[in-house]
């Protein structure tokens, strides 16, 4: 949960800089990519947490993914 909070804080800071037409990373072209990659990582962490919490569902989901 700590990692998710830190990534959300980073997205918030980067989004604020973008909306103020400033660069968060020093390279304006990279700022949106930083935001999107962090959102993706947050979703991956959430998915992993759900798969661990609902172990039986995670095993069944994995079977479905592998068979497709």
Protein backbone atom coordinates (compact mmCIF):
# COMPACT_ATOMS: atom_id res chain seq x y z
CA UNK A 1 0.00 0.00 0.00
CA UNK A 2 2.92 2.31 0.72
CA UNK A 3 4.20 1.95 -2.84
CA UNK A 4 0.77 2.76 -4.28
CA UNK A 5 0.51 5.90 -2.14
CA UNK A 6 3.98 7.05 -3.19
CA UNK A 7 3.21 6.46 -6.86
CA UNK A 8 -0.08 8.37 -6.53
CA UNK A 9 1.79 11.26 -4.93
CA UNK A 10 4.25 11.24 -7.83
CA UNK A 11 1.40 11.21 -10.37
CA UNK A 12 -0.23 14.10 -8.52
CA UNK A 13 2.97 16.17 -8.53
CA UNK A 14 3.65 15.41 -12.20
CA UNK A 15 0.03 16.19 -13.12
CA UNK A 16 0.19 19.49 -11.28
CA UNK A 17 3.40 20.43 -13.10
CA UNK A 18 1.88 19.47 -16.46
CA UNK A 19 -1.28 21.50 -15.80
CA UNK A 20 0.88 24.52 -14.91
CA UNK A 21 2.86 24.00 -18.12
CA UNK A 22 6.04 23.23 -16.17
CA UNK A 23 8.25 20.19 -16.52
CA UNK A 24 8.29 17.65 -13.70
CA UNK A 25 11.19 15.59 -15.04
CA UNK A 26 13.18 18.28 -16.80
CA UNK A 27 12.05 16.93 -20.17
CA UNK A 28 8.44 17.94 -20.93
CA UNK A 29 7.97 15.09 -23.42
CA UNK A 30 8.64 12.52 -20.67
CA UNK A 31 6.16 13.87 -18.12
CA UNK A 32 3.04 12.19 -19.55
CA UNK A 33 4.96 8.92 -19.90
CA UNK A 34 5.94 9.07 -16.22
CA UNK A 35 2.28 9.53 -15.29
CA UNK A 36 1.05 6.67 -17.51
CA UNK A 37 3.76 4.23 -16.39
CA UNK A 38 3.00 4.92 -12.75
CA UNK A 39 -0.74 4.44 -13.31
CA UNK A 40 0.06 1.14 -15.00
CA UNK A 41 2.23 0.03 -12.07
CA UNK A 42 -0.54 0.99 -9.62
CA UNK A 43 -3.00 -1.17 -11.59
CA UNK A 44 -0.52 -4.06 -11.66
CA UNK A 45 0.01 -3.83 -7.90
CA UNK A 46 -3.76 -3.74 -7.35
CA UNK A 47 -4.25 -6.78 -9.58
CA UNK A 48 -1.51 -8.70 -7.80
CA UNK A 49 -2.99 -7.85 -4.42
CA UNK A 50 -6.41 -9.04 -5.52
CA UNK A 51 -4.97 -12.26 -6.95
CA UNK A 52 -3.22 -12.97 -3.65
CA UNK A 53 -6.27 -12.08 -1.58
CA UNK A 54 -8.56 -14.27 -3.66
CA UNK A 55 -6.18 -17.15 -4.26
CA UNK A 56 -8.73 -19.54 -5.76
CA UNK A 57 -9.94 -16.91 -8.18
CA UNK A 58 -6.35 -16.08 -9.11
CA UNK A 59 -5.59 -19.71 -9.95
CA UNK A 60 -8.72 -19.96 -12.10
CA UNK A 61 -7.93 -16.67 -13.84
CA UNK A 62 -4.41 -17.85 -14.57
CA UNK A 63 -5.77 -21.07 -16.13
CA UNK A 64 -8.09 -19.04 -18.37
CA UNK A 65 -5.27 -16.74 -19.45
CA UNK A 66 -2.88 -19.62 -20.20
CA UNK A 67 -5.47 -21.57 -22.21
CA UNK A 68 -6.26 -18.61 -24.49
